[in-house]
Protein backbone atom coordinates (compact mmCIF):
# COMPACT_ATOMS: atom_id res chain seq x y z
CA UNK A 1 2.61 9.13 16.13
CA UNK A 2 0.33 9.08 13.90
CA UNK A 3 -1.30 12.93 13.52
CA UNK A 4 -4.70 12.77 14.41
CA UNK A 5 -7.34 12.52 11.41
CA UNK A 6 -10.54 13.80 10.69
CA UNK A 7 -13.44 11.72 9.53
CA UNK A 8 -16.70 10.79 9.09
CA UNK A 9 -18.39 10.32 12.14
CA UNK A 10 -20.92 7.42 13.18
CA UNK A 11 -24.52 8.73 14.16
CA UNK A 12 -25.11 8.66 17.57
CA UNK A 13 -27.15 6.04 19.14
CA UNK A 14 -30.33 8.29 19.09
CA UNK A 15 -30.28 8.85 15.28
CA UNK A 16 -29.83 4.63 15.18
CA UNK A 17 -33.17 4.83 17.08
CA UNK A 18 -34.73 7.61 14.42
CA UNK A 19 -33.55 5.64 11.34
CA UNK A 20 -34.85 2.08 12.53
CA UNK A 21 -38.03 3.34 13.92
CA UNK A 22 -39.50 4.04 17.18
CA UNK A 23 -40.24 1.38 19.13
CA UNK A 24 -43.87 0.31 19.49
CA UNK A 25 -42.95 -0.24 22.81
CA UNK A 26 -43.47 3.17 23.67
CA UNK A 27 -46.85 4.66 24.76
CA UNK A 28 -48.09 7.68 23.58
CA UNK A 29 -47.48 9.46 26.83
CA UNK A 30 -44.12 8.47 26.92
CA UNK A 31 -44.10 9.42 23.46
CA UNK A 32 -45.56 12.88 24.19
CA UNK A 33 -43.29 13.28 27.42
CA UNK A 34 -40.32 12.38 24.81
CA UNK A 35 -41.10 14.93 22.34
CA UNK A 36 -42.69 17.49 25.05
CA UNK A 37 -39.34 19.21 27.28
CA UNK A 38 -37.18 22.02 26.13
CA UNK A 39 -33.55 21.66 25.46
CA UNK A 40 -31.56 24.74 24.74
CA UNK A 41 -29.37 24.76 21.11
CA UNK A 42 -26.34 26.41 20.90
CA UNK A 43 -27.79 29.95 20.86
CA UNK A 44 -29.93 29.32 24.15
CA UNK A 45 -32.70 28.65 22.68
CA UNK A 46 -35.76 25.98 23.39
CA UNK A 47 -36.89 23.68 20.91
CA UNK A 48 -38.66 19.87 20.91
CA UNK A 49 -36.45 17.11 21.49
CA UNK A 50 -36.43 13.60 22.87
CA UNK A 51 -35.74 12.11 25.78
CA UNK A 52 -32.98 9.80 25.97
CA UNK A 53 -34.34 7.94 28.74
CA UNK A 54 -37.73 7.49 26.83
CA UNK A 55 -36.99 5.84 23.27
CA UNK A 56 -35.95 2.27 22.68
CA UNK A 57 -32.63 1.61 21.06
CA UNK A 58 -30.88 -1.44 20.37
CA UNK A 59 -27.31 -1.03 22.45
CA UNK A 60 -24.45 -3.58 21.45
CA UNK A 61 -23.84 -3.84 25.54
CA UNK A 62 -27.20 -3.62 26.96
CA UNK A 63 -30.09 -6.04 27.03
CA UNK A 64 -32.58 -6.24 23.89
CA UNK A 65 -35.12 -3.37 24.28
CA UNK A 66 -33.52 -1.33 27.11
CA UNK A 67 -34.14 2.28 27.45
CA UNK A 68 -31.25 4.31 26.66
CA UNK A 69 -29.79 5.53 29.75
CA UNK A 70 -26.28 7.53 28.79
CA UNK A 71 -26.17 8.68 24.90
CA UNK A 72 -24.06 11.33 23.59
CA UNK A 73 -24.92 14.55 21.77
CA UNK A 74 -22.54 16.21 19.44
CA UNK A 75 -23.00 20.06 18.76
CA UNK A 76 -22.58 21.26 15.34
CA UNK A 77 -22.17 25.05 14.20
CA UNK A 78 -20.01 26.86 16.05
CA UNK A 79 -19.83 24.17 18.57
CA UNK A 80 -18.72 21.66 16.41
CA UNK A 81 -16.09 19.48 17.87
CA UNK A 82 -17.78 19.72 21.43
CA UNK A 83 -19.91 16.71 22.56
CA UNK A 84 -21.87 15.82 25.90
CA UNK A 85 -22.34 12.75 27.41
CA UNK A 86 -25.99 12.66 28.68
CA UNK A 87 -27.14 11.03 31.54
CA UNK A 88 -30.79 10.44 31.20
CA UNK A 89 -31.72 7.80 33.47
CA UNK A 90 -34.55 9.46 35.29
CA UNK A 91 -36.49 6.84 37.86
CA UNK A 92 -33.32 5.83 39.13
CA UNK A 93 -31.54 9.39 39.66
CA UNK A 94 -28.71 8.73 37.01
CA UNK A 95 -27.50 5.72 39.35
CA UNK A 96 -25.13 3.07 38.28
CA UNK A 97 -26.57 0.37 37.58
CA UNK A 98 -25.40 -2.73 35.55
CA UNK A 99 -26.99 -0.73 31.25
CA UNK A 100 -25.97 2.48 32.64
CA UNK A 101 -22.49 1.50 33.46
CA UNK A 102 -22.34 -0.44 29.95
CA UNK A 103 -23.79 1.81 27.89
CA UNK A 104 -21.42 4.44 29.00
CA UNK A 105 -18.14 2.66 28.52
CA UNK A 106 -19.56 1.20 25.04
CA UNK A 107 -19.31 5.28 23.96
CA UNK A 108 -16.28 6.18 26.20
CA UNK A 109 -14.67 3.50 24.27
CA UNK A 110 -15.53 4.94 21.12
CA UNK A 111 -14.74 8.37 21.88
CA UNK A 112 -11.22 7.27 22.73
CA UNK A 113 -10.89 6.65 18.65
CA UNK A 114 -12.60 10.13 17.56
CA UNK A 115 -10.44 12.38 16.32
CA UNK A 116 -12.77 14.95 15.81
CA UNK A 117 -14.00 15.79 19.46
CA UNK A 118 -12.21 18.16 20.79
CA UNK A 119 -13.78 18.47 24.23
CA UNK A 120 -16.50 16.56 26.45
CA UNK A 121 -19.19 17.46 28.88
CA UNK A 122 -20.48 15.20 30.98
CA UNK A 123 -24.47 16.71 31.82
CA UNK A 124 -27.38 15.17 33.46
CA UNK A 125 -30.65 15.27 31.64
CA UNK A 126 -32.29 14.63 35.14
CA UNK A 127 -33.39 17.75 37.14
CA UNK A 128 -31.62 18.73 40.56
CA UNK A 129 -29.27 15.40 40.25
CA UNK A 130 -25.54 14.24 38.41
CA UNK A 131 -25.38 10.85 39.51
CA UNK A 132 -26.85 9.74 42.52
CA UNK A 133 -23.83 6.84 43.21
CA UNK A 134 -24.82 3.27 43.19
CA UNK A 135 -27.28 1.65 42.34
CA UNK A 136 -28.72 0.17 46.07
CA UNK A 137 -31.58 -1.77 44.73
CA UNK A 138 -29.97 -3.37 42.22
CA UNK A 139 -26.70 -3.94 44.14
CA UNK A 140 -28.35 -5.49 47.22
CA UNK A 141 -29.53 -8.60 44.70
CA UNK A 142 -25.79 -8.86 44.03
CA UNK A 143 -23.39 -11.75 45.90
CA UNK A 144 -20.38 -10.77 47.39
CA UNK A 145 -18.30 -11.84 44.55
CA UNK A 146 -20.48 -10.12 42.07
CA UNK A 147 -20.86 -7.24 43.90
CA UNK A 148 -16.70 -6.82 43.68
CA UNK A 149 -16.88 -8.30 40.07
CA UNK A 150 -19.10 -5.00 39.32
CA UNK A 151 -17.45 -2.38 41.31
CA UNK A 152 -14.21 -3.76 39.55
CA UNK A 153 -15.50 -2.71 36.11
CA UNK A 154 -16.60 0.55 37.63
CA UNK A 155 -13.75 1.21 38.65
CA UNK A 156 -12.17 0.46 35.24
CA UNK A 157 -14.70 2.43 33.39
CA UNK A 158 -13.64 5.70 35.32
CA UNK A 159 -9.79 5.12 34.73
CA UNK A 160 -10.98 4.81 30.58
CA UNK A 161 -12.81 8.53 31.23
CA UNK A 162 -9.40 9.83 32.94
CA UNK A 163 -7.49 8.17 29.86
CA UNK A 164 -10.01 10.01 27.61
CA UNK A 165 -7.48 12.00 25.23
CA UNK A 166 -9.21 15.03 24.98
CA UNK A 167 -10.33 17.76 27.95
CA UNK A 168 -13.73 16.34 29.82
CA UNK A 169 -15.72 18.43 31.56
CA UNK A 170 -18.05 17.72 34.51
CA UNK A 171 -21.17 19.81 35.18
CA UNK A 172 -22.44 19.21 38.43
CA UNK A 173 -26.13 21.05 38.21
CA UNK A 174 -27.02 18.39 41.33
CA UNK A 175 -26.59 15.99 44.00
CA UNK A 176 -23.14 14.01 43.13
CA UNK A 177 -23.06 11.83 45.71
CA UNK A 178 -20.38 8.67 46.46
CA UNK A 179 -19.91 6.61 42.70
CA UNK A 180 -21.16 10.28 40.97
CA UNK A 181 -18.56 11.87 42.69
CA UNK A 182 -16.12 9.84 41.59
CA UNK A 183 -17.36 10.07 37.78
CA UNK A 184 -16.81 13.99 38.87
CA UNK A 185 -13.31 13.43 39.76
CA UNK A 186 -12.81 11.61 37.15
CA UNK A 187 -12.94 14.31 34.62
CA UNK A 188 -10.26 16.60 34.09
CA UNK A 189 -12.49 19.66 35.33
CA UNK A 190 -15.68 20.34 37.21
CA UNK A 191 -18.34 23.25 37.44
CA UNK A 192 -20.90 23.20 39.88
CA UNK A 193 -23.93 24.69 40.93
CA UNK A 194 -23.82 26.71 44.35
CA UNK A 195 -27.12 24.12 44.88
CA UNK A 196 -25.17 20.94 44.11
CA UNK A 197 -24.33 18.51 46.61
CA UNK A 198 -21.26 16.40 46.31
CA UNK A 199 -19.71 13.76 48.68
CA UNK A 200 -17.69 10.76 49.16
CA UNK A 201 -20.27 9.29 51.45
CA UNK A 202 -19.52 5.42 51.53
CA UNK A 203 -18.46 5.27 55.02
CA UNK A 204 -22.20 5.75 56.08
CA UNK A 205 -23.03 2.88 54.01
CA UNK A 206 -20.05 0.69 55.62
CA UNK A 207 -17.95 0.64 52.51
CA UNK A 208 -15.23 3.37 51.12
CA UNK A 209 -14.89 4.47 47.33
CA UNK A 210 -14.51 2.08 45.00
CA UNK A 211 -14.09 3.76 41.95
CA UNK A 212 -11.14 6.23 42.48
CA UNK A 213 -12.13 8.63 44.67
CA UNK A 214 -10.14 7.00 47.77
CA UNK A 215 -6.97 8.17 45.28
CA UNK A 216 -8.76 11.04 42.97
CA UNK A 217 -9.97 13.24 45.98
CA UNK A 218 -6.72 13.42 47.62
CA UNK A 219 -5.01 14.70 44.25
CA UNK A 220 -7.80 17.09 43.91
CA UNK A 221 -8.27 18.69 47.96
CA UNK A 222 -4.70 17.42 49.33
CA UNK A 223 -4.50 14.75 51.84
CA UNK A 224 -5.71 16.50 55.17
CA UNK A 225 -8.61 17.74 53.54
CA UNK A 226 -9.60 14.06 51.97
CA UNK A 227 -9.55 12.11 54.54
CA UNK A 228 -11.55 14.31 56.44
CA UNK A 229 -14.08 14.29 53.63
CA UNK A 230 -13.93 10.67 53.62
CA UNK A 231 -14.22 9.81 56.85
CA UNK A 232 -17.07 11.96 57.73
CA UNK A 233 -19.25 11.10 54.76
CA UNK A 234 -20.12 14.90 54.93
CA UNK A 235 -21.45 16.45 51.99
CA UNK A 236 -20.42 20.21 50.52
CA UNK A 237 -22.40 22.72 48.42
CA UNK A 238 -20.49 24.05 45.46
CA UNK A 239 -19.22 27.19 46.92
CA UNK A 240 -17.31 25.14 49.36
CA UNK A 241 -16.31 22.62 46.92
CA UNK A 242 -14.93 25.36 44.75
CA UNK A 243 -13.13 26.65 48.36
CA UNK A 244 -11.48 23.40 48.55
CA UNK A 245 -10.60 23.16 44.97
CA UNK A 246 -12.85 20.10 44.25
CA UNK A 247 -14.53 22.04 41.22
CA UNK A 248 -13.06 24.66 39.31
CA UNK A 249 -15.78 26.98 38.75
CA UNK A 250 -18.77 27.23 40.85
CA UNK A 251 -21.93 29.76 39.80
CA UNK A 252 -25.54 30.40 40.98
CA UNK A 253 -27.96 28.00 40.43
CA UNK A 254 -30.74 29.51 37.27
CA UNK A 255 -34.55 29.08 36.84
CA UNK A 256 -33.90 26.19 34.04
CA UNK A 257 -31.58 24.25 36.95
CA UNK A 258 -28.52 24.42 34.86
CA UNK A 259 -26.60 27.00 35.24
CA UNK A 260 -23.33 24.19 36.11
CA UNK A 261 -23.57 22.76 32.36
CA UNK A 262 -23.93 26.31 31.32
CA UNK A 263 -20.63 27.52 32.69
CA UNK A 264 -19.38 24.01 31.36
CA UNK A 265 -20.63 24.94 28.31
CA UNK A 266 -18.75 27.84 28.34
CA UNK A 267 -15.42 26.68 29.62
CA UNK A 268 -15.14 24.14 26.45
CA UNK A 269 -15.52 26.97 24.10
CA UNK A 270 -12.60 28.69 25.50
CA UNK A 271 -11.17 25.07 24.79
CA UNK A 272 -12.48 24.72 21.52
CA UNK A 273 -10.45 27.25 19.77
CA UNK A 274 -7.12 25.90 20.68
CA UNK A 275 -4.76 23.51 19.07
CA UNK A 276 -6.36 19.72 19.74
CA UNK A 277 -3.34 17.98 18.95
CA UNK A 278 -1.50 20.06 21.60
CA UNK A 279 -4.27 20.46 23.77
CA UNK A 280 -4.20 16.66 23.70
CA UNK A 281 -0.62 16.25 24.61
CA UNK A 282 -0.26 18.74 27.03
CA UNK A 283 -3.48 16.23 28.78
CA UNK A 284 -1.03 13.40 28.55
CA UNK A 285 1.80 15.45 29.99
CA UNK A 286 0.55 16.70 32.95
CA UNK A 287 -1.50 13.41 33.74
CA UNK A 288 1.91 10.76 33.19
CA UNK A 289 3.45 13.30 34.84
CA UNK A 290 1.94 14.00 37.93
CA UNK A 291 2.56 10.50 39.08
CA UNK A 292 6.01 10.59 38.88
CA UNK A 293 9.26 12.57 39.74
CA UNK A 294 9.61 15.79 38.42
CA UNK A 295 13.04 15.02 36.64
CA UNK A 296 11.04 11.97 34.76
CA UNK A 297 8.14 14.59 34.57
CA UNK A 298 10.72 16.88 32.10
CA UNK A 299 11.17 13.78 29.74
CA UNK A 300 7.52 13.28 29.52
CA UNK A 301 6.88 17.03 28.78
CA UNK A 302 9.46 16.70 26.18
CA UNK A 303 8.16 13.65 24.32
CA UNK A 304 5.39 14.74 24.37
CA UNK A 305 6.23 18.39 23.20
CA UNK A 306 8.49 16.49 19.94
CA UNK A 307 4.99 14.91 19.09
CA UNK A 308 3.51 18.50 18.26
CA UNK A 309 6.68 19.86 16.20
CA UNK A 310 5.43 18.15 12.59
CA UNK A 311 2.17 18.25 12.88
CA UNK A 312 0.69 21.32 10.31
CA UNK A 313 -1.26 22.90 13.52
CA UNK A 314 1.92 24.24 14.81
CA UNK A 315 2.77 25.40 10.89
CA UNK A 316 -0.51 27.74 10.73
CA UNK A 317 0.04 28.70 14.82
CA UNK A 318 2.87 30.30 13.58
CA UNK A 319 1.97 31.44 10.49
CA UNK A 320 -1.17 33.39 12.38
CA UNK A 321 0.97 34.81 14.49
CA UNK A 322 3.48 36.38 11.80
CA UNK A 323 -0.08 37.80 10.10
CA UNK A 324 -1.69 38.90 13.42
CA UNK A 325 -4.96 36.55 12.98
CA UNK A 326 -6.26 33.70 14.75
CA UNK A 327 -5.48 30.69 14.03
CA UNK A 328 -7.44 27.75 12.10
CA UNK A 329 -6.61 24.74 13.43
CA UNK A 330 -7.81 20.88 12.36
CA UNK A 331 -6.70 18.77 13.86
CA UNK A 332 -3.02 17.47 11.82
């Protein structure tokens, strides 16, 4: 396997927007709102920021002039290597509409080939909600065949997220219902605020989970518990979700409403110093191994282990251990 190599990062959608100038279609009130909200830096300080959903830009899979509903934020300084997938479809509570899904699909596809990214945090920029699930107003306008095709594409997107080579963390600070919970389940790890509400509620709408939820929920919480949650369409809070094994961590919500994101960022910072190739291979070994018998799983582990043997990072890890210092991994 070719070793991971560092390369120059492409500017984010937001950077491209700045380079092209702000659209004249943005009203003064939208412009003021875009600059007015507080965003927290790596140190937790407040600073002005752009609300990505209020700036227009060209997106290759979105219609011309569409608002940015999903964008990437690459952290810097000591957090270099952590990337945030920011969901900011304000008016529709991050519901999974055509533009939202197309933009996320494009960004996820780019991440698959980005060797500089070590952890991805999926977070909402909309207060009180992670992702409200399907855009039912948009879905109601679809013919049956069109709706089936769209859900197939949504299932494909969740599979692409699950197949990202680096660890992914969903920060659930609010409602994650239906497809919103399926999005969180497609991530490797999940953090949640106690006040969050999660559930696969499709049976209450005459449906069943169609974007991977019927398969990933049993793998997360067990067969019987998953059946009960899906059959009843029940919602659970953050604390119960942790007890069920649905989330890794549950924390008290803070005044800013971003406690799960803060905890996800803390978790990402624990992963960040580790050897990135080793972490990626560990993820591949576990994801592929869980689907097969133990003997086949052992063979998969052996193949993944063989891939890290010739890396410079493995040599650095051994050298740092002998020299009693922290290793400096470069992803090669």
